[in-house]
Amino acid sequence: TPNSSINHEKKFHIITASPRANGFFESSGLSSYIPSIYRYLVKRFYNKKPSSAPSDSIHIHEFSRTDWTFHGKGLWIFNNYKRTKQNKKLKSHHLNLSIIGSSNFGSRSINRDIDTSIILLTKNPSVQSQLYDECIHFFQNSYHIKDFKKQ
C-alpha cells in the first residue's frame, strides 16, 4: 500500500549478534537466557513486517566470529552503492547517512547516563567508501538467517 512504512523498492539488511556472539552466552543464572530472548525479539520484529512487503525486503544477519562478541551499534544508509568489477571502488552519486554511537534511548540513558550519538551525512566519496567498507566487514563475519518465517 502507498502508506506502508517500507518502500518496496528498498532492501533492509539488519545485523545482530548471534547467540554465541552475545556476551551473556553460557553465563550462569537468568542472564543465560538473554541470547535466546534477543533472538526471539528479532524473529518477532521480522514477522511484523507488512504482509504487502516483498518477502526479500528485510534480511536478518547474525554476527558470528570465534571468540568474539558483537557490540556494533549504528545505522548506515546507502543508496544504490555498488563496486565496480574492475577496480572494486565504490561508485555512487548519492548521499550517505550514518548514525554512530549509543542506541540506548531508554529512561536511564536519557536521564542518568552519558550516552551520545552522532549523525553523519556526507557527500564525500572517500568517507562514503570507508563507511561502506566498515559495513562490509561486519557482514563478512555474519550469516544470513533464512528461517524467520511466520509459523
C-alpha atoms as a PDB file:
ATOM      1  CA  THR A   1       0.000   0.000   0.000  1.00  0.00           C
ATOM      2  CA  PRO A   2       1.208   3.560  -0.589  1.00  0.00           C
ATOM      3  CA  ASN A   3       1.083   4.282   3.166  1.00  0.00           C
ATOM      4  CA  SER A   4       3.304   1.337   4.068  1.00  0.00           C
ATOM      5  CA  SER A   5       6.379   2.220   6.123  1.00  0.00           C
ATOM      6  CA  ILE A   6       8.573   0.090   3.846  1.00  0.00           C
ATOM      7  CA  ASN A   7       9.461   1.370   0.402  1.00  0.00           C
ATOM      8  CA  HIS A   8       9.042  -1.787  -1.673  1.00  0.00           C
ATOM      9  CA  GLU A   9      11.987  -0.891  -3.880  1.00  0.00           C
ATOM     10  CA  LYS A  10      14.379  -0.941  -0.914  1.00  0.00           C
ATOM     11  CA  LYS A  11      16.029  -3.783   0.907  1.00  0.00           C
ATOM     12  CA  PHE A  12      16.932  -3.626   4.561  1.00  0.00           C
ATOM     13  CA  HIS A  13      19.808  -5.655   5.972  1.00  0.00           C
ATOM     14  CA  ILE A  14      19.918  -5.887   9.748  1.00  0.00           C
ATOM     15  CA  ILE A  15      22.848  -7.372  11.624  1.00  0.00           C
ATOM     16  CA  THR A  16      22.636  -8.548  15.206  1.00  0.00           C
ATOM     17  CA  ALA A  17      24.721 -10.722  17.494  1.00  0.00           C
ATOM     18  CA  SER A  18      24.348 -14.470  17.104  1.00  0.00           C
ATOM     19  CA  PRO A  19      23.665 -16.183  20.429  1.00  0.00           C
ATOM     20  CA  ARG A  20      27.357 -17.220  20.604  1.00  0.00           C
ATOM     21  CA  ALA A  21      28.482 -13.620  19.948  1.00  0.00           C
ATOM     22  CA  ASN A  22      26.367 -12.321  22.825  1.00  0.00           C
ATOM     23  CA  GLY A  23      28.344 -11.526  25.970  1.00  0.00           C
ATOM     24  CA  PHE A  24      25.795 -13.465  28.048  1.00  0.00           C
ATOM     25  CA  PHE A  25      26.211 -16.708  26.084  1.00  0.00           C
ATOM     26  CA  GLU A  26      26.807 -19.592  28.524  1.00  0.00           C
ATOM     27  CA  SER A  27      26.604 -17.263  31.521  1.00  0.00           C
ATOM     28  CA  SER A  28      25.070 -18.557  34.727  1.00  0.00           C
ATOM     29  CA  GLY A  29      21.660 -17.857  36.172  1.00  0.00           C
ATOM     30  CA  LEU A  30      18.899 -15.910  34.485  1.00  0.00           C
ATOM     31  CA  SER A  31      21.325 -13.990  32.267  1.00  0.00           C
ATOM     32  CA  SER A  32      21.957 -17.217  30.312  1.00  0.00           C
ATOM     33  CA  TYR A  33      18.522 -16.694  28.698  1.00  0.00           C
ATOM     34  CA  ILE A  34      19.397 -13.266  27.254  1.00  0.00           C
ATOM     35  CA  PRO A  35      20.810 -14.527  23.904  1.00  0.00           C
ATOM     36  CA  SER A  36      17.651 -16.576  23.285  1.00  0.00           C
ATOM     37  CA  ILE A  37      15.433 -13.650  24.242  1.00  0.00           C
ATOM     38  CA  TYR A  38      17.269 -11.357  21.809  1.00  0.00           C
ATOM     39  CA  ARG A  39      16.814 -13.906  19.013  1.00  0.00           C
ATOM     40  CA  TYR A  40      13.114 -14.218  19.870  1.00  0.00           C
ATOM     41  CA  LEU A  41      12.700 -10.409  19.692  1.00  0.00           C
ATOM     42  CA  VAL A  42      14.478 -10.247  16.315  1.00  0.00           C
ATOM     43  CA  LYS A  43      12.237 -13.009  14.973  1.00  0.00           C
ATOM     44  CA  ARG A  44       9.175 -11.175  16.293  1.00  0.00           C
ATOM     45  CA  PHE A  45      10.332  -7.949  14.610  1.00  0.00           C
ATOM     46  CA  TYR A  46      10.927  -9.775  11.334  1.00  0.00           C
ATOM     47  CA  ASN A  47       7.479 -11.326  11.369  1.00  0.00           C
ATOM     48  CA  LYS A  48       5.778  -7.957  11.969  1.00  0.00           C
ATOM     49  CA  LYS A  49       6.740  -6.586   8.572  1.00  0.00           C
ATOM     50  CA  PRO A  50       3.689  -5.658   6.496  1.00  0.00           C
ATOM     51  CA  SER A  51       2.178  -8.597   4.631  1.00  0.00           C
ATOM     52  CA  SER A  52       2.274  -6.471   1.485  1.00  0.00           C
ATOM     53  CA  ALA A  53       6.079  -6.166   1.708  1.00  0.00           C
ATOM     54  CA  PRO A  54       8.039  -8.397  -0.681  1.00  0.00           C
ATOM     55  CA  SER A  55       9.484 -11.449   1.062  1.00  0.00           C
ATOM     56  CA  ASP A  56      13.032 -10.266   0.294  1.00  0.00           C
ATOM     57  CA  SER A  57      12.656  -6.695   1.615  1.00  0.00           C
ATOM     58  CA  ILE A  58      14.116  -7.433   5.075  1.00  0.00           C
ATOM     59  CA  HIS A  59      17.171  -9.598   5.669  1.00  0.00           C
ATOM     60  CA  ILE A  60      18.418 -10.597   9.109  1.00  0.00           C
ATOM     61  CA  HIS A  61      22.092 -11.458   9.575  1.00  0.00           C
ATOM     62  CA  GLU A  62      23.799 -12.687  12.732  1.00  0.00           C
ATOM     63  CA  PHE A  63      27.392 -11.763  13.508  1.00  0.00           C
ATOM     64  CA  SER A  64      29.447 -14.792  14.442  1.00  0.00           C
ATOM     65  CA  ARG A  65      33.201 -14.893  14.802  1.00  0.00           C
ATOM     66  CA  THR A  66      35.033 -17.383  17.002  1.00  0.00           C
ATOM     67  CA  ASP A  67      35.828 -15.952  20.437  1.00  0.00           C
ATOM     68  CA  TRP A  68      34.342 -12.533  19.570  1.00  0.00           C
ATOM     69  CA  THR A  69      31.308 -10.767  20.952  1.00  0.00           C
ATOM     70  CA  PHE A  70      29.350  -8.290  18.860  1.00  0.00           C
ATOM     71  CA  HIS A  71      28.822  -4.761  20.176  1.00  0.00           C
ATOM     72  CA  GLY A  72      28.351  -2.931  16.887  1.00  0.00           C
ATOM     73  CA  LYS A  73      25.752  -0.213  17.069  1.00  0.00           C
ATOM     74  CA  GLY A  74      24.779   2.185  14.377  1.00  0.00           C
ATOM     75  CA  LEU A  75      22.762   2.840  11.286  1.00  0.00           C
ATOM     76  CA  TRP A  76      24.313   3.037   7.851  1.00  0.00           C
ATOM     77  CA  ILE A  77      22.162   4.073   4.913  1.00  0.00           C
ATOM     78  CA  PHE A  78      23.481   3.564   1.412  1.00  0.00           C
ATOM     79  CA  ASN A  79      21.536   4.378  -1.706  1.00  0.00           C
ATOM     80  CA  ASN A  80      22.456   2.497  -4.887  1.00  0.00           C
ATOM     81  CA  TYR A  81      26.009   1.698  -3.821  1.00  0.00           C
ATOM     82  CA  LYS A  82      27.932  -0.712  -5.992  1.00  0.00           C
ATOM     83  CA  ARG A  83      31.529  -1.580  -6.505  1.00  0.00           C
ATOM     84  CA  THR A  84      32.873  -1.920  -9.998  1.00  0.00           C
ATOM     85  CA  LYS A  85      34.280  -5.298 -11.004  1.00  0.00           C
ATOM     86  CA  GLN A  86      37.419  -3.724 -12.455  1.00  0.00           C
ATOM     87  CA  ASN A  87      38.825  -1.759  -9.538  1.00  0.00           C
ATOM     88  CA  LYS A  88      36.427  -2.551  -6.676  1.00  0.00           C
ATOM     89  CA  LYS A  89      35.996   1.132  -5.860  1.00  0.00           C
ATOM     90  CA  LEU A  90      32.711   2.478  -4.639  1.00  0.00           C
ATOM     91  CA  LYS A  91      30.641   4.198  -7.281  1.00  0.00           C
ATOM     92  CA  SER A  92      27.865   6.427  -6.051  1.00  0.00           C
ATOM     93  CA  HIS A  93      26.486   9.880  -6.504  1.00  0.00           C
ATOM     94  CA  HIS A  94      24.043   9.552  -3.631  1.00  0.00           C
ATOM     95  CA  LEU A  95      24.132  10.845  -0.105  1.00  0.00           C
ATOM     96  CA  ASN A  96      25.246   8.634   2.730  1.00  0.00           C
ATOM     97  CA  LEU A  97      23.840   8.794   6.246  1.00  0.00           C
ATOM     98  CA  SER A  98      25.273   7.107   9.285  1.00  0.00           C
ATOM     99  CA  ILE A  99      24.265   7.213  12.931  1.00  0.00           C
ATOM    100  CA  ILE A 100      27.127   6.213  15.167  1.00  0.00           C
ATOM    101  CA  GLY A 101      27.044   5.737  18.915  1.00  0.00           C
ATOM    102  CA  SER A 102      24.678   4.577  21.584  1.00  0.00           C
ATOM    103  CA  SER A 103      21.372   3.076  20.606  1.00  0.00           C
ATOM    104  CA  ASN A 104      20.203   3.227  24.193  1.00  0.00           C
ATOM    105  CA  PHE A 105      17.289   5.639  24.296  1.00  0.00           C
ATOM    106  CA  GLY A 106      15.593   4.356  27.449  1.00  0.00           C
ATOM    107  CA  SER A 107      14.834   6.476  30.500  1.00  0.00           C
ATOM    108  CA  ARG A 108      18.088   5.601  32.258  1.00  0.00           C
ATOM    109  CA  SER A 109      20.219   6.541  29.242  1.00  0.00           C
ATOM    110  CA  ILE A 110      18.412   9.825  28.751  1.00  0.00           C
ATOM    111  CA  ASN A 111      18.296  10.888  32.406  1.00  0.00           C
ATOM    112  CA  ARG A 112      21.278   9.272  34.155  1.00  0.00           C
ATOM    113  CA  ASP A 113      23.946   8.019  31.751  1.00  0.00           C
ATOM    114  CA  ILE A 114      26.142   9.944  29.372  1.00  0.00           C
ATOM    115  CA  ASP A 115      25.248   8.324  26.061  1.00  0.00           C
ATOM    116  CA  THR A 116      25.591  10.094  22.770  1.00  0.00           C
ATOM    117  CA  SER A 117      25.012   9.566  19.082  1.00  0.00           C
ATOM    118  CA  ILE A 118      26.421  11.348  16.068  1.00  0.00           C
ATOM    119  CA  ILE A 119      24.556  11.743  12.796  1.00  0.00           C
ATOM    120  CA  LEU A 120      26.919  11.879   9.854  1.00  0.00           C
ATOM    121  CA  LEU A 121      25.594  12.965   6.471  1.00  0.00           C
ATOM    122  CA  THR A 122      28.239  13.177   3.775  1.00  0.00           C
ATOM    123  CA  LYS A 123      28.720  13.600   0.049  1.00  0.00           C
ATOM    124  CA  ASN A 124      32.460  12.909   0.388  1.00  0.00           C
ATOM    125  CA  PRO A 125      33.237   9.785  -1.698  1.00  0.00           C
ATOM    126  CA  SER A 126      36.208   8.846   0.490  1.00  0.00           C
ATOM    127  CA  VAL A 127      34.141   8.930   3.703  1.00  0.00           C
ATOM    128  CA  GLN A 128      31.285   7.074   1.978  1.00  0.00           C
ATOM    129  CA  SER A 129      33.708   4.373   0.878  1.00  0.00           C
ATOM    130  CA  GLN A 130      35.192   3.984   4.368  1.00  0.00           C
ATOM    131  CA  LEU A 131      31.732   3.658   5.948  1.00  0.00           C
ATOM    132  CA  TYR A 132      30.755   1.121   3.303  1.00  0.00           C
ATOM    133  CA  ASP A 133      33.908  -0.913   3.993  1.00  0.00           C
ATOM    134  CA  GLU A 134      33.091  -0.913   7.714  1.00  0.00           C
ATOM    135  CA  CYS A 135      29.660  -2.403   6.984  1.00  0.00           C
ATOM    136  CA  ILE A 136      31.099  -4.989   4.634  1.00  0.00           C
ATOM    137  CA  HIS A 137      33.486  -6.077   7.411  1.00  0.00           C
ATOM    138  CA  PHE A 138      30.511  -6.748   9.718  1.00  0.00           C
ATOM    139  CA  PHE A 139      28.679  -8.728   7.048  1.00  0.00           C
ATOM    140  CA  GLN A 140      31.756 -10.800   6.148  1.00  0.00           C
ATOM    141  CA  ASN A 141      31.620 -12.148   9.701  1.00  0.00           C
ATOM    142  CA  SER A 142      27.900 -12.879   9.689  1.00  0.00           C
ATOM    143  CA  TYR A 143      25.450 -15.308   8.205  1.00  0.00           C
ATOM    144  CA  HIS A 144      22.019 -14.728   6.716  1.00  0.00           C
ATOM    145  CA  ILE A 145      19.077 -16.057   8.733  1.00  0.00           C
ATOM    146  CA  LYS A 146      16.549 -17.615   6.384  1.00  0.00           C
ATOM    147  CA  ASP A 147      14.215 -19.391   8.795  1.00  0.00           C
ATOM    148  CA  PHE A 148      12.387 -16.489  10.446  1.00  0.00           C
ATOM    149  CA  LYS A 149       9.194 -17.193   8.535  1.00  0.00           C
ATOM    150  CA  LYS A 150       5.863 -16.942  10.335  1.00  0.00           C
ATOM    151  CA  GLN A 151       4.799 -20.218  11.865  1.00  0.00           C
END
